[in-house]
Every structure is written in C-alpha cells, then in structure tokens.
Amino acid sequence: MSIRRTLAVTGRVLAQIRRDPRTLVMLVALPTLLMTLLWWMYEDSPAPIFDQIGPALLAIFPFIVMFLVTSVTTLRERSSGTLERLLAMPLGKGDFLLGYALAFGVLAAVQSGVAVGISVGLLGLEISGSVVMLVVVAIVDALLGTALGLLVSAFAATEFQAVQFMPAVVVPQILLCGLLVPRDSLPSVLRAISDVLPLSYAVDAMTHLVSSTDTGDVWIDLAVVAAFVVAGLALGSATLRRRTP
C-alpha cells in the first residue's frame, strides 16, 4: 500500500461524487431531512419521543445511506471495468478500499456535522453529553456503513443485487439494535445475536450521550464499532474482485 496512491483514489472518488449532484445531495442532506421529518411527526407529542429516539436514528440514518451509496458505487466501478483498469496499474486492493473509505469518511464528516447541527441547533434535540462526541459517533457509524457496503459489493453481480443485501445485512441490525425494544428486554437468543452486531454498539454510544456526561462507555462502544470497520475493510480487500463475472 502507498499513501500517495491511496490519496489519489480518495481525490478521484470525491471528484466523481462532486460531479453527481443527486448522490451528493443524498449523502449530505438525506439524514438531515429524515431527522426533520421525525421531529415534525412528534412535534405535538406531550412525551419527549424525539429526544428519546432521535440519537439512535442519528446513528442509523448515516449508516443506511453510506451502506447503499458505497455498495452501489463500488459495484458500478467494477461492472464498468473501471476497477479492473485501476488494479492493472500499480494500485493494490488495499489502496483502492482505503482510498474509498477515506473519501466517504470526508463525506461522512460533512453529513454527520450537518445532521447533528440541525438536530441539536434547530430541532431542539436535547443531550447530556458533548455535541462534538455526538458528531464523532455519527461519523464512525457512517464509516461502518461504508465498510459493510464495500464488503457486500464483492458478492453482488448487479447494482440491484447490492441493494438486495440491505434486508439481510442492515434490517436485522435495526431490529435488534435497541431502537424498537431495549436490548436488555430481548429474548436471550436475540440478545446474544444483538451483542455481535456492530450497529448495537453504535446505538448504545448515542444513547449514553443522551443520558450521561461520562464518555467512558461511549469510547468503549466506539472502539467496538471501529474494530468492525477495520475488519470490514480487511475482508473487503480480501474478497474484492477486479470485474463482475
């Protein structure tokens, strides 16, 4: 791997997305629009429902968006032959995947900063912890979506198949992450499954920031999510194919 080649891939991806306004708007604006819709739904509710579920969805929305965009974009590179041409050059799979991860990491930082800023500043989301930590957690969650998107793209032959992985990879994590039912209240088998799903720790980190100013548990959850990100990128590098069969 080479830092220069990795950064070249990062610059190429960012330039490509800048030329695609629809993808750029989806990446940056969609989580914020979804949070605004959620706030609007519960605006007249006597209970602080938005404050209760808002932080968890600040973890989930960027995760979903980055998973979809990354998996489809990577598959498009492979099916068009661009990936094969890139890897024919002195460019390793690790350079390619890390370059993609850095590019989407930059976009994740913008996306998370906008979503958290609007949610806390304009929509009145109340948290006990640091807003900066909220942004950091949202960025790591988005990177998790990027890593898993890169990984599943290796097993899809078409963009439609890449989207089909969402019910298998994303939806079970949403159901078991504690958003709908507290993880402690899940049946023992489902709780055990929840304990090995990365989105559970992402939501836990957000939940801790709502109820406490102590960041110890937040850093532990972030470390677990970061480990999943690294593992996803490593597996993605090992399974990445030059072209679609």
Protein backbone atom coordinates (compact mmCIF):
# COMPACT_ATOMS: atom_id res chain seq x y z
CA MET A 1 0.00 0.00 0.00
CA SER A 2 1.08 3.56 -0.74
CA ILE A 3 -0.19 6.74 0.88
CA ARG A 4 0.19 8.63 -2.40
CA ARG A 5 -1.87 6.08 -4.36
CA THR A 6 -4.48 5.89 -1.60
CA LEU A 7 -4.90 9.66 -1.57
CA ALA A 8 -5.12 9.65 -5.37
CA VAL A 9 -8.07 7.24 -5.14
CA THR A 10 -9.63 9.44 -2.45
CA GLY A 11 -9.35 12.51 -4.66
CA ARG A 12 -10.79 10.65 -7.63
CA VAL A 13 -13.83 9.45 -5.67
CA LEU A 14 -14.53 12.90 -4.23
CA ALA A 15 -14.25 14.47 -7.70
CA GLN A 16 -16.59 11.84 -9.12
CA ILE A 17 -19.21 12.44 -6.43
CA ARG A 18 -18.91 16.22 -6.84
CA ARG A 19 -19.95 15.75 -10.47
CA ASP A 20 -23.02 13.76 -9.38
CA PRO A 21 -25.38 16.24 -7.65
CA ARG A 22 -28.02 13.61 -6.85
CA THR A 23 -25.59 11.38 -4.95
CA LEU A 24 -24.08 14.40 -3.21
CA VAL A 25 -27.49 15.62 -2.05
CA MET A 26 -28.43 12.13 -0.90
CA LEU A 27 -25.23 11.78 1.10
CA VAL A 28 -25.29 15.18 2.78
CA ALA A 29 -28.94 16.12 3.02
CA LEU A 30 -30.94 12.90 3.34
CA PRO A 31 -30.16 12.09 7.01
CA THR A 32 -30.97 15.68 7.97
CA LEU A 33 -34.25 15.57 6.05
CA LEU A 34 -35.20 12.30 7.75
CA MET A 35 -34.40 13.76 11.18
CA THR A 36 -36.54 16.79 10.34
CA LEU A 37 -39.41 14.53 9.32
CA LEU A 38 -39.06 12.63 12.60
CA TRP A 39 -39.14 15.87 14.59
CA TRP A 40 -42.22 17.02 12.69
CA MET A 41 -44.02 13.74 13.41
CA TYR A 42 -43.60 14.14 17.17
CA GLU A 43 -43.74 17.95 17.38
CA ASP A 44 -47.09 17.98 19.22
CA SER A 45 -46.46 14.87 21.31
CA PRO A 46 -46.59 15.52 25.08
CA ALA A 47 -43.80 12.98 25.64
CA PRO A 48 -40.24 13.80 24.53
CA ILE A 49 -40.23 11.00 21.95
CA PHE A 50 -37.92 12.85 19.57
CA ASP A 51 -35.32 13.20 22.34
CA GLN A 52 -35.66 9.50 23.13
CA ILE A 53 -35.25 8.02 19.65
CA GLY A 54 -33.52 10.86 17.83
CA PRO A 55 -29.96 9.99 18.91
CA ALA A 56 -30.38 6.34 17.89
CA LEU A 57 -31.60 7.40 14.45
CA LEU A 58 -28.65 9.78 14.14
CA ALA A 59 -26.59 6.58 14.19
CA ILE A 60 -28.89 4.58 11.92
CA PHE A 61 -29.64 7.05 9.10
CA PRO A 62 -25.99 7.77 8.12
CA PHE A 63 -25.23 4.05 8.40
CA ILE A 64 -28.01 3.16 5.94
CA VAL A 65 -27.21 5.94 3.45
CA MET A 66 -23.48 5.19 3.36
CA PHE A 67 -24.11 1.45 3.03
CA LEU A 68 -26.34 1.94 -0.01
CA VAL A 69 -24.20 4.54 -1.76
CA THR A 70 -20.91 2.75 -1.17
CA SER A 71 -22.11 -0.70 -2.24
CA VAL A 72 -23.74 0.60 -5.43
CA THR A 73 -20.84 2.92 -6.31
CA THR A 74 -18.21 0.21 -5.84
CA LEU A 75 -20.19 -2.28 -7.89
CA ARG A 76 -20.61 0.31 -10.65
CA GLU A 77 -16.82 0.75 -10.73
CA ARG A 78 -16.37 -2.99 -11.14
CA SER A 79 -19.14 -3.64 -13.67
CA SER A 80 -17.99 -0.73 -15.87
CA GLY A 81 -14.45 -2.08 -15.98
CA THR A 82 -13.01 0.92 -14.14
CA LEU A 83 -11.84 -1.19 -11.21
CA GLU A 84 -10.07 -3.65 -13.50
CA ARG A 85 -8.24 -0.81 -15.23
CA LEU A 86 -7.27 0.74 -11.91
CA LEU A 87 -5.95 -2.53 -10.50
CA ALA A 88 -3.97 -3.13 -13.70
CA MET A 89 -1.95 -0.10 -12.64
CA PRO A 90 0.44 -0.21 -9.64
CA LEU A 91 -2.57 0.02 -7.32
CA GLY A 92 -3.37 -2.61 -4.71
CA LYS A 93 -6.77 -3.61 -3.41
CA GLY A 94 -5.87 -2.08 -0.07
CA ASP A 95 -5.09 1.26 -1.74
CA PHE A 96 -8.44 1.16 -3.53
CA LEU A 97 -10.54 0.28 -0.48
CA LEU A 98 -8.73 2.61 1.90
CA GLY A 99 -8.99 5.42 -0.64
CA TYR A 100 -12.73 4.83 -0.88
CA ALA A 101 -13.03 4.67 2.91
CA LEU A 102 -11.17 7.99 3.30
CA ALA A 103 -13.31 9.67 0.63
CA PHE A 104 -16.54 8.53 2.21
CA GLY A 105 -15.08 9.38 5.62
CA VAL A 106 -14.77 13.00 4.49
CA LEU A 107 -18.35 12.90 3.24
CA ALA A 108 -19.43 11.24 6.50
CA ALA A 109 -17.89 14.09 8.48
CA VAL A 110 -19.85 16.65 6.45
CA GLN A 111 -23.01 14.56 6.59
CA SER A 112 -22.79 13.99 10.35
CA GLY A 113 -21.88 17.59 11.13
CA VAL A 114 -24.90 18.86 9.20
CA ALA A 115 -27.30 16.27 10.69
CA VAL A 116 -26.15 16.80 14.28
CA GLY A 117 -26.00 20.59 13.90
CA ILE A 118 -29.56 20.77 12.57
CA SER A 119 -30.89 18.24 15.07
CA VAL A 120 -29.38 19.91 18.13
CA GLY A 121 -29.35 23.52 16.99
CA LEU A 122 -32.66 23.85 15.15
CA LEU A 123 -34.78 20.85 16.07
CA GLY A 124 -34.00 21.05 19.78
CA LEU A 125 -32.61 17.56 20.33
CA GLU A 126 -31.50 17.50 23.97
CA ILE A 127 -28.45 15.53 25.06
CA SER A 128 -26.44 15.46 28.27
CA GLY A 129 -23.12 14.63 26.64
CA SER A 130 -20.89 16.53 24.26
CA VAL A 131 -22.19 17.58 20.86
CA VAL A 132 -18.69 17.02 19.47
CA MET A 133 -18.81 13.42 20.67
CA LEU A 134 -22.21 13.06 19.04
CA VAL A 135 -20.64 14.10 15.73
CA VAL A 136 -17.72 11.70 16.23
CA VAL A 137 -20.06 8.78 16.90
CA ALA A 138 -22.17 9.67 13.84
CA ILE A 139 -19.02 9.74 11.66
CA VAL A 140 -17.86 6.33 12.89
CA ASP A 141 -21.35 4.93 12.30
CA ALA A 142 -21.28 6.25 8.73
CA LEU A 143 -17.86 4.66 8.23
CA LEU A 144 -19.34 1.38 9.44
CA GLY A 145 -21.92 1.63 6.66
CA THR A 146 -19.10 2.36 4.20
CA ALA A 147 -17.05 -0.66 5.29
CA LEU A 148 -20.02 -3.04 5.12
CA GLY A 149 -21.06 -1.57 1.76
CA LEU A 150 -17.58 -2.21 0.35
CA LEU A 151 -17.67 -5.74 1.72
CA VAL A 152 -21.07 -6.78 0.34
CA SER A 153 -20.33 -5.25 -3.07
CA ALA A 154 -17.86 -8.08 -3.63
CA PHE A 155 -20.70 -10.61 -3.53
CA ALA A 156 -23.12 -8.80 -5.86
CA ALA A 157 -23.17 -9.00 -9.66
CA THR A 158 -25.52 -6.07 -10.29
CA GLU A 159 -26.49 -2.86 -8.54
CA PHE A 160 -29.91 -4.37 -7.83
CA GLN A 161 -28.26 -7.30 -6.07
CA ALA A 162 -26.22 -4.86 -3.99
CA VAL A 163 -29.44 -3.22 -2.80
CA GLN A 164 -30.88 -6.67 -2.05
CA PHE A 165 -28.23 -7.17 0.60
CA MET A 166 -29.86 -4.46 2.68
CA PRO A 167 -32.63 -6.71 4.12
CA ALA A 168 -30.01 -9.30 5.04
CA VAL A 169 -27.28 -7.02 6.42
CA VAL A 170 -28.97 -3.82 7.57
CA VAL A 171 -32.56 -4.59 8.61
CA PRO A 172 -31.75 -7.25 11.26
CA GLN A 173 -29.32 -4.82 12.88
CA ILE A 174 -32.00 -2.11 13.00
CA LEU A 175 -34.48 -4.53 14.58
CA LEU A 176 -32.04 -5.74 17.24
CA CYS A 177 -30.03 -2.57 17.99
CA GLY A 178 -32.33 -1.40 20.79
CA LEU A 179 -34.34 1.12 18.81
CA LEU A 180 -37.64 -0.76 18.97
CA VAL A 181 -37.09 -2.86 22.11
CA PRO A 182 -34.37 -2.29 24.74
CA ARG A 183 -31.65 -4.85 24.19
CA ASP A 184 -31.89 -5.97 27.82
CA SER A 185 -35.54 -6.92 27.19
CA LEU A 186 -34.83 -9.09 24.16
CA PRO A 187 -35.11 -12.89 24.42
CA SER A 188 -31.77 -14.42 25.35
CA VAL A 189 -31.04 -15.77 21.85
CA LEU A 190 -31.82 -12.45 20.19
CA ARG A 191 -29.81 -10.60 22.85
CA ALA A 192 -26.83 -12.83 22.07
CA ILE A 193 -27.19 -12.06 18.36
CA SER A 194 -27.54 -8.36 19.14
CA ASP A 195 -24.27 -8.47 21.07
CA VAL A 196 -22.31 -9.39 17.93
CA LEU A 197 -23.92 -6.81 15.62
CA PRO A 198 -21.96 -3.56 15.23
CA LEU A 199 -24.98 -1.25 14.97
CA SER A 200 -25.97 -2.24 18.52
CA TYR A 201 -22.82 -0.59 19.85
CA ALA A 202 -23.31 2.45 17.62
CA VAL A 203 -26.79 3.00 19.06
CA ASP A 204 -25.52 2.32 22.59
CA ALA A 205 -22.92 5.05 22.16
CA MET A 206 -25.57 7.55 21.09
CA THR A 207 -27.84 6.51 23.96
CA HIS A 208 -25.07 7.03 26.51
CA LEU A 209 -24.57 10.57 25.25
CA VAL A 210 -28.24 11.34 25.87
CA SER A 211 -28.32 10.24 29.48
CA SER A 212 -24.81 10.91 30.81
CA THR A 213 -21.83 13.21 30.52
CA ASP A 214 -19.46 10.31 31.20
CA THR A 215 -17.79 9.31 27.93
CA GLY A 216 -16.11 6.13 29.19
CA ASP A 217 -18.80 3.80 27.87
CA VAL A 218 -19.02 5.83 24.67
CA TRP A 219 -15.34 5.27 23.90
CA ILE A 220 -15.71 1.54 24.54
CA ASP A 221 -18.65 1.34 22.12
CA LEU A 222 -16.73 3.42 19.57
CA ALA A 223 -13.76 1.07 19.83
CA VAL A 224 -16.01 -1.91 19.08
CA VAL A 225 -17.56 -0.17 16.06
CA ALA A 226 -14.12 0.90 14.83
CA ALA A 227 -12.93 -2.72 15.10
CA PHE A 228 -15.84 -3.78 12.89
CA VAL A 229 -14.90 -1.04 10.40
CA VAL A 230 -11.31 -2.30 10.19
CA ALA A 231 -12.48 -5.92 9.90
CA GLY A 232 -14.95 -4.97 7.16
CA LEU A 233 -12.26 -3.19 5.16
CA ALA A 234 -9.84 -6.10 5.60
CA LEU A 235 -12.43 -8.65 4.45
CA GLY A 236 -13.44 -6.34 1.61
CA SER A 237 -9.84 -6.18 0.45
CA ALA A 238 -9.54 -9.95 0.56
CA THR A 239 -12.77 -10.58 -1.38
CA LEU A 240 -12.66 -7.67 -3.87
CA ARG A 241 -12.89 -8.86 -7.47
CA ARG A 242 -11.50 -6.98 -10.45
CA ARG A 243 -14.63 -7.40 -12.54
CA THR A 244 -18.14 -8.79 -12.44
CA PRO A 245 -18.34 -12.30 -13.88
